C-alpha cells in the first residue's frame, strides 16, 4: 500500500468532474468514464496518451506517493490529515491554464502562487514522519533518468521526491509524455476547450485528498477528502511548523 497527499476536492466539484472525464476514470469509485471526443485523435489514441495520469487519478501532487514507515498506521495518517485540515485556512489562487510542461500537458497556475507553494511545503513536512525514509534503487534510478539538479537529487534522497520546496511547481497532469508534435497540439487544443469554463478565473483551494494505491502499479483511489477549516494561512501554518521543529531539536 502506498499513500499520497494530493490537491483534490469533493467528487461533485466541477473541476474534479472535468478532470476525471478528461482522463477517463473516476478515482472515487474506480469506474471508467467515457473521454471527450476530439476531431484530430481517435478514441484509442486519446486513451493511449492518458494512461499514466489515468492510473494516478486527476490531482495535483502535494506529498508524493510513499510507503508508511514501520510503526506508522493508516489511522495515524488519517488523524494527521484531520489535524492539518483543522488548522489550515482555505485560500484562493488566481486561476489555472492548460500548458505544456516539457512534453507533458497539465493544468498549471497562471501566476506564481505563494500560498499554494507554502501549502505544498507544509504537506511535505507535516506528513514526513509517516514516510519510510528509504527509496529502493529502482525508484531512485527512475527519477534520476529525468536529469535532476543537485538540489533535486538531495530532495529525492532526503524527502522521497525531487520537485519540492524551491523546485515545486504545481500541476495537474493531463497526458503522458507526448513525442508527436501534431498529437501534442491536438491534445492541447482539445484540453483548452474542455476546461475553458474552469480556467483563467480565481479558484478557491478548500480541500485536499488522501489517495491510496493498494499494490504497486494499480490505480490510485480516493481514500478521503478533507475540508480546510482552520484560521491560519498556509504560510503561517508552515512557519509555525518550522518553528516547532526547531524547538523540538
Protein backbone atom coordinates (compact mmCIF):
# COMPACT_ATOMS: atom_id res chain seq x y z
CA UNK A 1 0.00 0.00 0.00
CA UNK A 2 1.22 3.49 -0.87
CA UNK A 3 -0.39 6.75 0.19
CA UNK A 4 -0.29 10.22 -1.37
CA UNK A 5 -1.47 13.67 -0.35
CA UNK A 6 -3.00 15.40 -3.35
CA UNK A 7 -4.86 18.57 -4.12
CA UNK A 8 -8.39 17.38 -4.79
CA UNK A 9 -11.96 18.29 -3.97
CA UNK A 10 -15.28 16.51 -3.46
CA UNK A 11 -16.50 14.30 -6.28
CA UNK A 12 -19.15 16.81 -7.36
CA UNK A 13 -16.66 19.68 -7.78
CA UNK A 14 -16.78 20.95 -11.39
CA UNK A 15 -13.01 20.87 -11.89
CA UNK A 16 -12.74 17.35 -10.48
CA UNK A 17 -15.58 16.12 -12.69
CA UNK A 18 -13.99 17.69 -15.77
CA UNK A 19 -10.58 16.22 -14.93
CA UNK A 20 -11.98 12.77 -14.29
CA UNK A 21 -13.85 12.85 -17.60
CA UNK A 22 -10.72 14.00 -19.44
CA UNK A 23 -8.64 11.14 -18.03
CA UNK A 24 -11.43 8.58 -18.35
CA UNK A 25 -11.59 7.31 -14.76
CA UNK A 26 -13.30 8.27 -11.53
CA UNK A 27 -10.81 7.72 -8.66
CA UNK A 28 -13.65 7.97 -6.13
CA UNK A 29 -15.35 4.85 -7.50
CA UNK A 30 -12.75 3.29 -9.80
CA UNK A 31 -15.25 3.50 -12.66
CA UNK A 32 -14.01 4.01 -16.23
CA UNK A 33 -15.54 7.06 -17.87
CA UNK A 34 -16.08 7.99 -21.50
CA UNK A 35 -13.42 10.52 -22.54
CA UNK A 36 -14.32 13.56 -24.64
CA UNK A 37 -14.46 13.08 -28.40
CA UNK A 38 -11.96 15.07 -30.45
CA UNK A 39 -11.56 15.60 -34.17
CA UNK A 40 -7.84 15.03 -34.59
CA UNK A 41 -7.30 11.99 -32.36
CA UNK A 42 -9.17 8.70 -32.28
CA UNK A 43 -10.72 7.37 -29.08
CA UNK A 44 -7.94 4.78 -28.89
CA UNK A 45 -5.19 7.38 -29.40
CA UNK A 46 -6.63 9.64 -26.72
CA UNK A 47 -6.88 6.75 -24.27
CA UNK A 48 -3.29 5.70 -25.01
CA UNK A 49 -1.96 9.24 -24.44
CA UNK A 50 -3.54 9.45 -20.97
CA UNK A 51 -2.69 6.06 -19.43
CA UNK A 52 -0.31 7.31 -16.73
CA UNK A 53 -2.36 10.18 -15.29
CA UNK A 54 -5.47 7.99 -15.51
CA UNK A 55 -3.85 5.47 -13.15
CA UNK A 56 -2.93 8.16 -10.62
CA UNK A 57 -6.31 9.90 -10.84
CA UNK A 58 -6.88 13.59 -11.53
CA UNK A 59 -4.95 15.53 -8.88
CA UNK A 60 -2.18 17.97 -8.04
CA UNK A 61 0.71 16.49 -6.07
CA UNK A 62 1.34 17.91 -2.60
CA UNK A 63 3.11 14.95 -0.95
CA UNK A 64 4.23 12.34 -3.48
CA UNK A 65 3.31 8.66 -3.01
CA UNK A 66 5.02 6.98 -0.07
CA UNK A 67 5.01 3.79 1.97
CA UNK A 68 4.28 4.02 5.68
CA UNK A 69 7.33 3.52 7.86
CA UNK A 70 7.46 0.80 10.49
CA UNK A 71 5.25 1.72 13.39
CA UNK A 72 3.13 4.22 11.43
CA UNK A 73 -0.52 3.37 10.83
CA UNK A 74 -3.22 4.40 8.43
CA UNK A 75 -5.31 5.56 11.37
CA UNK A 76 -2.47 7.82 12.49
CA UNK A 77 -2.09 9.21 8.99
CA UNK A 78 -5.81 9.98 8.78
CA UNK A 79 -5.64 11.72 12.17
CA UNK A 80 -2.73 13.83 10.88
CA UNK A 81 -4.78 14.78 7.82
CA UNK A 82 -7.66 15.84 10.03
CA UNK A 83 -5.36 17.86 12.28
CA UNK A 84 -3.77 19.74 9.38
CA UNK A 85 -7.18 20.40 7.83
CA UNK A 86 -8.46 21.75 11.14
CA UNK A 87 -5.54 24.15 11.49
CA UNK A 88 -5.19 25.45 7.93
CA UNK A 89 -7.48 28.02 6.31
CA UNK A 90 -8.83 27.81 2.77
CA UNK A 91 -7.14 30.13 0.29
CA UNK A 92 -7.53 31.31 -3.28
CA UNK A 93 -5.39 31.12 -6.39
CA UNK A 94 -5.80 33.40 -9.41
CA UNK A 95 -6.52 30.60 -11.82
CA UNK A 96 -5.32 27.64 -13.84
CA UNK A 97 -4.49 27.26 -17.53
CA UNK A 98 -3.66 24.40 -19.89
CA UNK A 99 0.08 24.41 -20.55
CA UNK A 100 2.86 22.17 -21.77
CA UNK A 101 5.37 21.02 -19.15
CA UNK A 102 8.14 19.72 -21.34
CA UNK A 103 6.35 17.07 -23.39
CA UNK A 104 3.53 16.61 -20.88
CA UNK A 105 0.26 18.52 -20.78
CA UNK A 106 -1.03 19.90 -17.47
CA UNK A 107 -3.16 22.48 -15.75
CA UNK A 108 -0.83 24.96 -14.05
CA UNK A 109 -1.31 28.27 -12.21
CA UNK A 110 -1.48 31.36 -14.37
CA UNK A 111 0.77 33.35 -11.97
CA UNK A 112 3.10 32.46 -9.08
CA UNK A 113 1.04 31.37 -6.08
CA UNK A 114 2.96 31.72 -2.78
CA UNK A 115 0.12 30.33 -0.67
CA UNK A 116 -0.10 27.22 -2.84
CA UNK A 117 3.68 26.72 -2.72
CA UNK A 118 3.66 27.08 1.07
CA UNK A 119 0.72 24.70 1.34
CA UNK A 120 2.67 22.09 -0.62
CA UNK A 121 5.75 22.62 1.60
CA UNK A 122 3.53 22.28 4.66
CA UNK A 123 2.20 18.95 3.38
CA UNK A 124 5.70 17.66 2.60
CA UNK A 125 6.89 18.39 6.14
CA UNK A 126 3.67 17.61 8.01
CA UNK A 127 3.38 14.06 6.69
CA UNK A 128 7.10 13.25 6.58
CA UNK A 129 7.01 11.45 9.95
CA UNK A 130 4.82 8.78 8.32
CA UNK A 131 7.04 8.08 5.30
CA UNK A 132 9.53 5.27 5.15
CA UNK A 133 12.83 7.03 4.62
CA UNK A 134 14.49 4.75 2.07
CA UNK A 135 13.61 4.66 -1.62
CA UNK A 136 14.56 1.49 -3.45
CA UNK A 137 17.15 1.61 -6.20
CA UNK A 138 14.54 1.23 -8.94
CA UNK A 139 12.71 4.35 -7.76
CA UNK A 140 15.95 6.32 -7.49
CA UNK A 141 17.04 5.28 -10.97
CA UNK A 142 13.63 6.07 -12.49
CA UNK A 143 13.64 9.58 -11.05
CA UNK A 144 17.26 10.27 -11.96
CA UNK A 145 16.62 9.45 -15.61
CA UNK A 146 14.87 12.80 -15.95
CA UNK A 147 18.14 14.66 -15.27
CA UNK A 148 17.91 16.12 -11.79
CA UNK A 149 19.81 19.11 -10.48
CA UNK A 150 21.95 18.57 -7.37
CA UNK A 151 19.25 20.20 -5.23
CA UNK A 152 16.55 18.00 -6.74
CA UNK A 153 18.66 14.90 -6.16
CA UNK A 154 19.08 15.87 -2.49
CA UNK A 155 15.33 16.32 -2.22
CA UNK A 156 14.85 12.87 -3.74
CA UNK A 157 17.19 11.21 -1.27
CA UNK A 158 16.11 13.17 1.80
CA UNK A 159 12.39 13.64 1.14
CA UNK A 160 11.48 10.98 -1.43
CA UNK A 161 10.58 13.39 -4.26
CA UNK A 162 12.73 15.85 -6.23
CA UNK A 163 10.24 18.61 -7.03
CA UNK A 164 9.55 20.20 -3.66
CA UNK A 165 10.29 23.48 -1.87
CA UNK A 166 12.13 25.80 -4.30
CA UNK A 167 11.65 23.25 -7.11
CA UNK A 168 7.92 22.82 -6.58
CA UNK A 169 5.66 23.63 -9.50
CA UNK A 170 2.00 22.86 -9.04
CA UNK A 171 0.47 20.91 -11.91
CA UNK A 172 -2.48 18.66 -12.62
CA UNK A 173 -1.22 16.22 -15.25
CA UNK A 174 -3.39 15.69 -18.32
CA UNK A 175 -1.26 13.41 -20.50
CA UNK A 176 1.63 11.03 -20.80
CA UNK A 177 4.84 12.29 -22.37
CA UNK A 178 3.76 13.11 -25.94
CA UNK A 179 6.53 12.87 -28.52
CA UNK A 180 4.46 13.57 -31.64
CA UNK A 181 4.10 17.31 -32.23
CA UNK A 182 0.80 17.09 -34.06
CA UNK A 183 -0.72 14.91 -31.36
CA UNK A 184 0.54 17.29 -28.67
CA UNK A 185 -1.06 20.26 -30.43
CA UNK A 186 -4.35 18.41 -30.90
CA UNK A 187 -4.36 17.38 -27.25
CA UNK A 188 -3.64 20.89 -26.00
CA UNK A 189 -6.33 22.42 -28.20
CA UNK A 190 -8.89 19.88 -27.00
CA UNK A 191 -7.90 20.34 -23.34
CA UNK A 192 -8.15 24.12 -23.66
CA UNK A 193 -11.71 23.73 -24.92
CA UNK A 194 -12.62 21.06 -22.37
CA UNK A 195 -11.51 23.12 -19.36
CA UNK A 196 -12.45 26.54 -20.80
CA UNK A 197 -15.16 27.30 -18.26
CA UNK A 198 -12.89 26.41 -15.34
CA UNK A 199 -9.65 28.15 -16.27
CA UNK A 200 -8.33 31.73 -16.12
CA UNK A 201 -10.54 32.57 -13.15
CA UNK A 202 -9.99 32.52 -9.38
CA UNK A 203 -10.15 29.12 -7.74
CA UNK A 204 -10.71 28.51 -4.03
CA UNK A 205 -8.49 25.80 -2.51
CA UNK A 206 -10.77 24.38 0.15
CA UNK A 207 -9.86 20.68 0.35
CA UNK A 208 -7.08 18.15 -0.06
CA UNK A 209 -7.20 14.41 -0.52
CA UNK A 210 -5.61 11.23 0.78
CA UNK A 211 -5.21 8.77 -2.10
CA UNK A 212 -4.14 5.12 -1.88
CA UNK A 213 -2.50 2.60 -4.19
CA UNK A 214 -3.41 -0.91 -2.99
CA UNK A 215 -0.49 -2.58 -4.78
CA UNK A 216 2.35 -1.09 -6.80
CA UNK A 217 1.15 -0.34 -10.32
CA UNK A 218 -2.56 -0.49 -9.57
CA UNK A 219 -4.85 2.56 -9.96
CA UNK A 220 -4.89 5.10 -7.15
CA UNK A 221 -8.23 5.67 -5.42
CA UNK A 222 -9.52 8.46 -3.24
CA UNK A 223 -9.49 7.37 0.40
CA UNK A 224 -10.79 10.60 1.95
CA UNK A 225 -11.26 14.27 1.13
CA UNK A 226 -10.51 16.72 3.94
CA UNK A 227 -12.01 20.25 4.11
CA UNK A 228 -9.73 23.05 5.22
CA UNK A 229 -11.35 24.66 8.22
CA UNK A 230 -8.65 26.41 10.22
CA UNK A 231 -7.71 30.05 10.70
CA UNK A 232 -4.02 30.05 9.78
CA UNK A 233 -2.88 30.73 6.24
CA UNK A 234 -0.61 28.09 4.69
CA UNK A 235 2.33 30.48 5.14
CA UNK A 236 1.58 30.95 8.85
CA UNK A 237 0.99 27.23 9.38
CA UNK A 238 4.29 26.40 7.67
CA UNK A 239 6.16 29.00 9.77
CA UNK A 240 4.68 27.54 12.96
CA UNK A 241 5.63 24.01 11.93
CA UNK A 242 9.19 25.07 11.17
CA UNK A 243 9.45 26.96 14.46
CA UNK A 244 8.13 23.97 16.42
CA UNK A 245 10.57 21.69 14.62
CA UNK A 246 13.47 23.91 15.64
CA UNK A 247 12.26 23.98 19.26
CA UNK A 248 11.98 20.19 19.34
CA UNK A 249 15.61 19.90 18.26
